């Protein structure tokens, strides 16, 4: 069954519950969620066993993948291969990112 999610509502839920990410779809095939990093907050994620796609909804920051950092901004799409070490950093405003992982 289809469902429409509002990113602002998901960020509000995330802020209410604490933490910096929230899954909003989990099925046998995919997992999708929102990351919201406030300035100075650390991204503590570990490498994933599957490929991952990120879409930057809001903000400017850097993504470090296997030790190399690249600037990212609103509307950028990032592909991260399975098992790659990666993290977001360097944001001086809220960074809101959609993520989708295969299962």
N, C-alpha and C. Protein backbone atom coordinates (compact mmCIF):
# COMPACT_ATOMS: atom_id res chain seq x y z
N UNK A 1 0.84 -1.18 0.00
CA UNK A 1 0.00 0.00 0.00
C UNK A 1 0.89 1.25 0.00
N UNK A 2 0.55 2.19 -0.84
CA UNK A 2 1.33 3.42 -0.94
C UNK A 2 1.13 4.29 0.30
N UNK A 3 2.10 5.15 0.52
CA UNK A 3 2.02 6.10 1.64
C UNK A 3 2.88 7.30 1.28
N UNK A 4 2.42 8.47 1.65
CA UNK A 4 3.17 9.71 1.41
C UNK A 4 3.68 10.21 2.76
N UNK A 5 4.97 10.51 2.80
CA UNK A 5 5.61 10.99 4.02
C UNK A 5 6.02 12.44 3.83
N UNK A 6 5.85 13.25 4.85
CA UNK A 6 6.31 14.64 4.83
C UNK A 6 7.63 14.71 5.59
N UNK A 7 8.68 15.17 4.93
CA UNK A 7 10.00 15.18 5.57
C UNK A 7 10.02 16.05 6.82
N UNK A 8 9.31 17.17 6.82
CA UNK A 8 9.29 18.03 8.02
C UNK A 8 8.66 17.31 9.20
N UNK A 9 7.62 16.52 8.96
CA UNK A 9 6.99 15.75 10.03
C UNK A 9 7.94 14.68 10.55
N UNK A 10 8.68 14.03 9.66
CA UNK A 10 9.65 13.02 10.08
C UNK A 10 10.75 13.64 10.93
N UNK A 11 11.23 14.81 10.54
CA UNK A 11 12.27 15.50 11.32
C UNK A 11 11.72 15.89 12.69
N UNK A 12 10.46 16.32 12.74
CA UNK A 12 9.83 16.67 14.01
C UNK A 12 9.75 15.44 14.93
N UNK A 13 9.35 14.29 14.37
CA UNK A 13 9.30 13.04 15.14
C UNK A 13 10.69 12.68 15.65
N UNK A 14 11.67 12.85 14.81
CA UNK A 14 13.05 12.54 15.17
C UNK A 14 13.52 13.43 16.32
N UNK A 15 13.24 14.71 16.23
CA UNK A 15 13.63 15.64 17.29
C UNK A 15 12.94 15.30 18.60
N UNK A 16 11.68 14.86 18.52
CA UNK A 16 10.92 14.49 19.72
C UNK A 16 11.49 13.25 20.39
N UNK A 17 11.91 12.27 19.58
CA UNK A 17 12.37 11.00 20.15
C UNK A 17 13.85 11.03 20.54
N UNK A 18 14.61 11.96 19.99
CA UNK A 18 16.06 11.99 20.24
C UNK A 18 16.77 11.14 19.21
N UNK A 19 18.08 11.20 19.19
CA UNK A 19 18.84 10.49 18.16
C UNK A 19 18.97 11.35 16.93
N UNK A 20 19.59 10.79 15.90
CA UNK A 20 19.78 11.61 14.70
C UNK A 20 19.26 10.94 13.43
N UNK A 21 18.64 9.75 13.56
CA UNK A 21 18.02 9.15 12.38
C UNK A 21 16.75 8.42 12.78
N UNK A 22 15.86 8.27 11.80
CA UNK A 22 14.62 7.54 12.02
C UNK A 22 14.28 6.80 10.74
N UNK A 23 13.99 5.50 10.85
CA UNK A 23 13.49 4.73 9.71
C UNK A 23 12.00 5.00 9.56
N UNK A 24 11.55 5.20 8.33
CA UNK A 24 10.11 5.35 8.13
C UNK A 24 9.55 4.30 7.18
N UNK A 25 10.42 3.54 6.51
CA UNK A 25 10.00 2.38 5.72
C UNK A 25 10.95 1.25 6.03
N UNK A 26 10.39 0.12 6.40
CA UNK A 26 11.18 -1.11 6.54
C UNK A 26 10.33 -2.22 5.93
N UNK A 27 10.83 -2.80 4.88
CA UNK A 27 10.14 -3.91 4.23
C UNK A 27 11.16 -5.01 3.97
N UNK A 28 10.72 -6.08 3.36
CA UNK A 28 11.66 -7.17 3.08
C UNK A 28 12.71 -6.76 2.04
N UNK A 29 12.42 -5.71 1.26
CA UNK A 29 13.33 -5.31 0.18
C UNK A 29 14.14 -4.04 0.43
N UNK A 30 13.57 -3.08 1.17
CA UNK A 30 14.28 -1.81 1.39
C UNK A 30 14.10 -1.30 2.82
N UNK A 31 14.99 -0.39 3.15
CA UNK A 31 14.89 0.39 4.39
C UNK A 31 15.12 1.84 3.98
N UNK A 32 14.26 2.74 4.46
CA UNK A 32 14.41 4.16 4.15
C UNK A 32 14.20 4.97 5.41
N UNK A 33 14.91 6.09 5.48
CA UNK A 33 14.78 6.93 6.66
C UNK A 33 15.34 8.31 6.42
N UNK A 34 15.34 9.08 7.50
CA UNK A 34 15.83 10.45 7.49
C UNK A 34 16.94 10.57 8.53
N UNK A 35 18.01 11.24 8.13
CA UNK A 35 19.07 11.63 9.07
C UNK A 35 18.94 13.14 9.24
N UNK A 36 19.02 13.61 10.48
CA UNK A 36 19.08 15.04 10.75
C UNK A 36 20.23 15.28 11.71
N UNK A 37 21.28 15.90 11.20
CA UNK A 37 22.45 16.23 12.02
C UNK A 37 22.44 17.73 12.30
N UNK A 38 22.44 18.08 13.58
CA UNK A 38 22.53 19.48 13.98
C UNK A 38 24.01 19.88 13.96
N UNK A 39 24.31 21.17 13.84
CA UNK A 39 25.71 21.60 13.83
C UNK A 39 26.47 21.04 15.03
N UNK A 40 27.63 20.47 14.75
CA UNK A 40 28.48 19.90 15.80
C UNK A 40 28.12 18.48 16.22
N UNK A 41 26.97 17.96 15.77
CA UNK A 41 26.57 16.60 16.12
C UNK A 41 27.36 15.60 15.29
N UNK A 42 27.79 14.51 15.89
CA UNK A 42 28.61 13.51 15.20
C UNK A 42 27.75 12.46 14.51
N UNK A 43 28.15 12.08 13.32
CA UNK A 43 27.54 10.98 12.58
C UNK A 43 28.28 9.71 12.98
N UNK A 44 27.61 8.82 13.65
CA UNK A 44 28.26 7.63 14.22
C UNK A 44 27.99 6.35 13.43
N UNK A 45 27.46 6.46 12.22
CA UNK A 45 27.09 5.25 11.51
C UNK A 45 28.30 4.40 11.14
N UNK A 46 28.03 3.13 10.98
CA UNK A 46 29.02 2.12 10.60
C UNK A 46 28.78 1.72 9.14
N UNK A 47 29.78 1.11 8.48
CA UNK A 47 29.55 0.64 7.11
C UNK A 47 28.37 -0.34 7.07
N UNK A 48 27.65 -0.29 5.97
CA UNK A 48 26.49 -1.15 5.77
C UNK A 48 26.86 -2.31 4.85
N UNK A 49 26.15 -3.40 4.98
CA UNK A 49 26.43 -4.59 4.17
C UNK A 49 25.81 -4.49 2.78
N UNK A 50 25.03 -3.43 2.53
CA UNK A 50 24.36 -3.25 1.23
C UNK A 50 24.64 -1.84 0.71
N UNK A 51 24.42 -1.63 -0.58
CA UNK A 51 24.55 -0.31 -1.18
C UNK A 51 23.54 0.65 -0.55
N UNK A 52 23.88 1.95 -0.61
CA UNK A 52 23.01 2.95 0.00
C UNK A 52 22.97 4.20 -0.88
N UNK A 53 21.80 4.82 -0.94
CA UNK A 53 21.60 6.08 -1.66
C UNK A 53 21.21 7.14 -0.64
N UNK A 54 21.80 8.34 -0.76
CA UNK A 54 21.43 9.48 0.05
C UNK A 54 20.91 10.58 -0.87
N UNK A 55 19.92 11.32 -0.40
CA UNK A 55 19.43 12.51 -1.09
C UNK A 55 19.41 13.65 -0.07
N UNK A 56 20.14 14.71 -0.34
CA UNK A 56 20.22 15.83 0.60
C UNK A 56 18.97 16.70 0.43
N UNK A 57 18.15 16.71 1.47
CA UNK A 57 16.91 17.49 1.47
C UNK A 57 17.20 18.94 1.84
N UNK A 58 18.08 19.12 2.81
CA UNK A 58 18.33 20.47 3.33
C UNK A 58 19.75 20.53 3.90
N UNK A 59 20.43 21.64 3.65
CA UNK A 59 21.72 21.88 4.28
C UNK A 59 22.92 21.73 3.36
N UNK A 60 24.07 22.03 3.94
CA UNK A 60 25.37 21.92 3.28
C UNK A 60 26.31 21.26 4.28
N UNK A 61 27.13 20.32 3.80
CA UNK A 61 28.07 19.62 4.69
C UNK A 61 29.11 18.95 3.81
N UNK A 62 29.80 18.01 4.41
CA UNK A 62 30.76 17.16 3.70
C UNK A 62 30.41 15.72 4.00
N UNK A 63 30.69 14.85 3.03
CA UNK A 63 30.60 13.43 3.27
C UNK A 63 31.99 12.86 3.07
N UNK A 64 32.43 12.10 4.03
CA UNK A 64 33.72 11.43 3.94
C UNK A 64 33.44 9.97 3.60
N UNK A 65 34.05 9.50 2.51
CA UNK A 65 33.91 8.11 2.08
C UNK A 65 35.30 7.53 1.94
N UNK A 66 35.59 6.51 2.72
CA UNK A 66 36.90 5.85 2.69
C UNK A 66 38.04 6.87 2.81
N UNK A 67 37.86 7.87 3.71
CA UNK A 67 38.92 8.83 3.99
C UNK A 67 38.96 10.06 3.10
N UNK A 68 38.09 10.13 2.08
CA UNK A 68 38.07 11.29 1.17
C UNK A 68 36.79 12.09 1.40
N UNK A 69 36.92 13.39 1.63
CA UNK A 69 35.76 14.25 1.87
C UNK A 69 35.36 15.01 0.61
N UNK A 70 34.05 15.13 0.41
CA UNK A 70 33.51 15.92 -0.69
C UNK A 70 32.36 16.77 -0.16
N UNK A 71 32.25 17.99 -0.68
CA UNK A 71 31.15 18.88 -0.31
C UNK A 71 29.84 18.34 -0.88
N UNK A 72 28.78 18.46 -0.09
CA UNK A 72 27.44 18.09 -0.55
C UNK A 72 26.49 19.22 -0.19
N UNK A 73 25.43 19.34 -0.98
CA UNK A 73 24.46 20.41 -0.76
C UNK A 73 23.06 19.90 -1.10
N UNK A 74 22.09 20.75 -0.78
CA UNK A 74 20.70 20.45 -1.06
C UNK A 74 20.52 19.95 -2.49
N UNK A 75 19.76 18.88 -2.64
CA UNK A 75 19.40 18.22 -3.90
C UNK A 75 20.49 17.32 -4.47
N UNK A 76 21.62 17.18 -3.79
CA UNK A 76 22.64 16.23 -4.25
C UNK A 76 22.18 14.81 -3.94
N UNK A 77 22.58 13.88 -4.79
CA UNK A 77 22.32 12.46 -4.61
C UNK A 77 23.66 11.76 -4.51
N UNK A 78 23.80 10.92 -3.49
CA UNK A 78 25.09 10.27 -3.21
C UNK A 78 24.89 8.77 -3.19
N UNK A 79 25.74 8.04 -3.89
CA UNK A 79 25.73 6.57 -3.86
C UNK A 79 26.91 6.11 -3.02
N UNK A 80 26.65 5.23 -2.07
CA UNK A 80 27.69 4.66 -1.22
C UNK A 80 27.69 3.14 -1.42
N UNK A 81 28.78 2.58 -1.96
CA UNK A 81 28.84 1.13 -2.14
C UNK A 81 28.83 0.40 -0.79
N UNK A 82 28.34 -0.80 -0.81
CA UNK A 82 28.31 -1.65 0.39
C UNK A 82 29.70 -1.70 1.03
N UNK A 83 29.71 -1.74 2.35
CA UNK A 83 30.91 -1.92 3.17
C UNK A 83 31.87 -0.73 3.15
N UNK A 84 31.47 0.41 2.57
CA UNK A 84 32.33 1.60 2.54
C UNK A 84 32.18 2.37 3.85
N UNK A 85 33.32 2.77 4.43
CA UNK A 85 33.29 3.64 5.61
C UNK A 85 32.88 5.03 5.14
N UNK A 86 31.87 5.59 5.80
CA UNK A 86 31.39 6.92 5.41
C UNK A 86 30.75 7.62 6.59
N UNK A 87 30.75 8.96 6.51
CA UNK A 87 30.10 9.77 7.54
C UNK A 87 29.91 11.19 7.01
N UNK A 88 28.90 11.86 7.56
CA UNK A 88 28.67 13.27 7.28
C UNK A 88 29.40 14.10 8.34
N UNK A 89 29.89 15.28 7.95
CA UNK A 89 30.56 16.15 8.91
C UNK A 89 30.63 17.57 8.35
N UNK A 90 31.01 18.52 9.21
CA UNK A 90 31.28 19.89 8.78
C UNK A 90 30.06 20.74 8.49
N UNK A 91 28.89 20.33 8.96
CA UNK A 91 27.71 21.16 8.72
C UNK A 91 27.61 22.25 9.79
N UNK A 92 27.32 23.49 9.34
CA UNK A 92 27.14 24.58 10.29
C UNK A 92 25.68 25.01 10.38
N UNK A 93 24.82 24.18 9.81
CA UNK A 93 23.37 24.31 9.92
C UNK A 93 22.81 22.90 9.92
N UNK A 94 21.51 22.75 10.19
CA UNK A 94 20.94 21.40 10.16
C UNK A 94 21.15 20.77 8.79
N UNK A 95 21.52 19.50 8.80
CA UNK A 95 21.65 18.71 7.59
C UNK A 95 20.57 17.65 7.63
N UNK A 96 19.68 17.65 6.64
CA UNK A 96 18.59 16.68 6.57
C UNK A 96 18.78 15.86 5.30
N UNK A 97 18.88 14.53 5.47
CA UNK A 97 19.22 13.64 4.37
C UNK A 97 18.27 12.44 4.38
N UNK A 98 17.75 12.11 3.21
CA UNK A 98 16.98 10.88 3.02
C UNK A 98 17.96 9.76 2.70
N UNK A 99 17.76 8.58 3.29
CA UNK A 99 18.58 7.43 2.91
C UNK A 99 17.70 6.26 2.52
N UNK A 100 18.20 5.47 1.57
CA UNK A 100 17.52 4.26 1.12
C UNK A 100 18.57 3.17 0.98
N UNK A 101 18.31 2.04 1.62
CA UNK A 101 19.21 0.88 1.55
C UNK A 101 18.44 -0.31 0.99
N UNK A 102 19.11 -1.11 0.16
CA UNK A 102 18.56 -2.39 -0.23
C UNK A 102 18.68 -3.35 0.94
N UNK A 103 17.99 -4.45 0.88
CA UNK A 103 18.10 -5.45 1.96
C UNK A 103 18.55 -6.77 1.39
